[in-house]
Structures are given as C-alpha cells and as structure tokens.
Amino acid sequence: MRPAYLFAETAAKFTSNIELIKEDIRIDGKSVLSILTLGAAEGAQIVIEAAGEDADAAVAELENLLKSGFPEVQAAKALEAESDNA
C-alpha cells in the first residue's frame, strides 16, 4: 500500500472533514489524488485540520500514522526487496 492511499483510507474512517495543508496549498485529506498532487515528500511540514464530531480522534490517528513512517508501507517494501533477492 502506498502512503497516500493508506492516509486517505485511514482518514475515510472518520466522519469529520479532514484537510491537509502544505505551505499555501489546502487539499481534501480523504482523496488519494489530492494527496498525491500535494507533493509532500518525506520530511515535509504538513498541517492536518479536521472539523466534526470525531475531529480530535482523526487528527491523533493521522498524526500517529505520519510519525510512524507508515509501517505497513515499510513492511511491504521489505517483502518486495526479499523477493527480489530470492
């Protein structure tokens, strides 16, 4: 799974409106295409904004996902590298 897809999939679990902000660009945090167009490489400064009844939980979970370095993505890359070396 790619990071943009994983982020959007996680964001979609919440009813709140979720937006990502990078510099002066604001996008829908539930849209894979929008996340891809944001061009946020590793280490980029991103602000997560959420509005709705589960906004605090959404921001906390998404922040943890970003800080974790997307462990599912890392595991998939490791498996891919293993199979390439076999």
C-alpha atoms as a PDB file:
ATOM      1  CA  MET A   1       0.000   0.000   0.000  1.00  0.00           C
ATOM      2  CA  ARG A   2       1.282   3.447  -0.855  1.00  0.00           C
ATOM      3  CA  PRO A   3       1.367   6.183   1.806  1.00  0.00           C
ATOM      4  CA  ALA A   4      -1.190   8.420   0.046  1.00  0.00           C
ATOM      5  CA  TYR A   5      -3.664   5.546  -0.204  1.00  0.00           C
ATOM      6  CA  LEU A   6      -3.085   4.472   3.390  1.00  0.00           C
ATOM      7  CA  PHE A   7      -3.547   8.040   4.638  1.00  0.00           C
ATOM      8  CA  ALA A   8      -6.771   8.551   2.649  1.00  0.00           C
ATOM      9  CA  GLU A   9      -8.102   5.156   3.724  1.00  0.00           C
ATOM     10  CA  THR A  10      -7.435   5.994   7.382  1.00  0.00           C
ATOM     11  CA  ALA A  11      -8.980   9.468   7.034  1.00  0.00           C
ATOM     12  CA  ALA A  12     -12.091   7.978   5.415  1.00  0.00           C
ATOM     13  CA  LYS A  13     -12.849   6.058   8.627  1.00  0.00           C
ATOM     14  CA  PHE A  14     -13.823   9.351  10.251  1.00  0.00           C
ATOM     15  CA  THR A  15     -16.942  11.437   9.645  1.00  0.00           C
ATOM     16  CA  SER A  16     -15.086  14.720  10.119  1.00  0.00           C
ATOM     17  CA  ASN A  17     -13.933  16.864   7.230  1.00  0.00           C
ATOM     18  CA  ILE A  18     -10.150  16.399   7.025  1.00  0.00           C
ATOM     19  CA  GLU A  19      -7.783  18.699   5.192  1.00  0.00           C
ATOM     20  CA  LEU A  20      -4.030  18.697   4.719  1.00  0.00           C
ATOM     21  CA  ILE A  21      -2.139  21.959   4.378  1.00  0.00           C
ATOM     22  CA  LYS A  22       1.344  22.348   2.941  1.00  0.00           C
ATOM     23  CA  GLU A  23       2.554  25.920   2.594  1.00  0.00           C
ATOM     24  CA  ASP A  24      -0.399  27.670   0.882  1.00  0.00           C
ATOM     25  CA  ILE A  25      -1.963  24.516  -0.570  1.00  0.00           C
ATOM     26  CA  ARG A  26      -5.042  23.018   1.142  1.00  0.00           C
ATOM     27  CA  ILE A  27      -6.423  19.651   0.000  1.00  0.00           C
ATOM     28  CA  ASP A  28      -9.013  17.025   0.943  1.00  0.00           C
ATOM     29  CA  GLY A  29      -7.286  14.501   3.220  1.00  0.00           C
ATOM     30  CA  LYS A  30      -9.671  11.731   2.126  1.00  0.00           C
ATOM     31  CA  SER A  31      -8.739  11.982  -1.559  1.00  0.00           C
ATOM     32  CA  VAL A  32      -5.778   9.916  -2.772  1.00  0.00           C
ATOM     33  CA  LEU A  33      -5.467  12.039  -5.910  1.00  0.00           C
ATOM     34  CA  SER A  34      -5.443  15.275  -3.912  1.00  0.00           C
ATOM     35  CA  ILE A  35      -2.818  13.876  -1.545  1.00  0.00           C
ATOM     36  CA  LEU A  36      -0.631  12.865  -4.487  1.00  0.00           C
ATOM     37  CA  THR A  37      -0.881  16.346  -6.018  1.00  0.00           C
ATOM     38  CA  LEU A  38       0.230  17.876  -2.711  1.00  0.00           C
ATOM     39  CA  GLY A  39       3.736  16.603  -3.408  1.00  0.00           C
ATOM     40  CA  ALA A  40       4.607  16.050   0.242  1.00  0.00           C
ATOM     41  CA  ALA A  41       7.883  14.159   0.332  1.00  0.00           C
ATOM     42  CA  GLU A  42       9.296  12.568   3.454  1.00  0.00           C
ATOM     43  CA  GLY A  43      10.175  15.277   5.965  1.00  0.00           C
ATOM     44  CA  ALA A  44       7.737  17.859   4.551  1.00  0.00           C
ATOM     45  CA  GLN A  45       5.864  20.074   7.031  1.00  0.00           C
ATOM     46  CA  ILE A  46       2.155  19.210   6.852  1.00  0.00           C
ATOM     47  CA  VAL A  47      -0.725  20.570   8.920  1.00  0.00           C
ATOM     48  CA  ILE A  48      -3.745  18.327   9.497  1.00  0.00           C
ATOM     49  CA  GLU A  49      -7.040  20.121  10.126  1.00  0.00           C
ATOM     50  CA  ALA A  50     -10.274  18.338  10.957  1.00  0.00           C
ATOM     51  CA  ALA A  51     -13.758  19.610  11.741  1.00  0.00           C
ATOM     52  CA  GLY A  52     -16.534  17.420  13.061  1.00  0.00           C
ATOM     53  CA  GLU A  53     -17.567  15.254  15.966  1.00  0.00           C
ATOM     54  CA  ASP A  54     -14.562  12.898  15.723  1.00  0.00           C
ATOM     55  CA  ALA A  55     -12.026  15.553  14.680  1.00  0.00           C
ATOM     56  CA  ASP A  56      -9.700  15.088  17.655  1.00  0.00           C
ATOM     57  CA  ALA A  57      -9.540  11.314  17.183  1.00  0.00           C
ATOM     58  CA  ALA A  58      -8.980  11.741  13.436  1.00  0.00           C
ATOM     59  CA  VAL A  59      -6.087  14.163  13.869  1.00  0.00           C
ATOM     60  CA  ALA A  60      -4.495  11.978  16.547  1.00  0.00           C
ATOM     61  CA  GLU A  61      -4.675   8.805  14.436  1.00  0.00           C
ATOM     62  CA  LEU A  62      -3.468  10.505  11.263  1.00  0.00           C
ATOM     63  CA  GLU A  63      -0.642  12.228  13.110  1.00  0.00           C
ATOM     64  CA  ASN A  64       0.446   8.875  14.566  1.00  0.00           C
ATOM     65  CA  LEU A  65       0.341   7.351  11.086  1.00  0.00           C
ATOM     66  CA  LEU A  66       2.599  10.084   9.709  1.00  0.00           C
ATOM     67  CA  LYS A  67       5.009   9.922  12.658  1.00  0.00           C
ATOM     68  CA  SER A  68       5.213   6.121  12.427  1.00  0.00           C
ATOM     69  CA  GLY A  69       6.598   6.310   8.904  1.00  0.00           C
ATOM     70  CA  PHE A  70       3.763   4.160   7.537  1.00  0.00           C
ATOM     71  CA  PRO A  71       4.834   0.776   8.973  1.00  0.00           C
ATOM     72  CA  GLU A  72       2.616  -1.139   6.514  1.00  0.00           C
ATOM     73  CA  VAL A  73       4.455   0.513   3.621  1.00  0.00           C
ATOM     74  CA  GLN A  74       7.839  -0.272   5.163  1.00  0.00           C
ATOM     75  CA  ALA A  75       6.843  -3.927   5.658  1.00  0.00           C
ATOM     76  CA  ALA A  76       5.663  -4.201   2.049  1.00  0.00           C
ATOM     77  CA  LYS A  77       8.950  -2.725   0.799  1.00  0.00           C
ATOM     78  CA  ALA A  78      10.912  -5.211   2.900  1.00  0.00           C
ATOM     79  CA  LEU A  79       8.912  -8.129   1.453  1.00  0.00           C
ATOM     80  CA  GLU A  80       9.442  -6.783  -2.049  1.00  0.00           C
ATOM     81  CA  ALA A  81      13.185  -6.490  -1.516  1.00  0.00           C
ATOM     82  CA  GLU A  82      13.281 -10.016  -0.101  1.00  0.00           C
ATOM     83  CA  SER A  83      11.524 -11.468  -3.125  1.00  0.00           C
ATOM     84  CA  ASP A  84      13.819  -9.515  -5.479  1.00  0.00           C
ATOM     85  CA  ASN A  85      16.850 -11.060  -3.768  1.00  0.00           C
ATOM     86  CA  ALA A  86      15.482 -14.612  -3.909  1.00  0.00           C
END
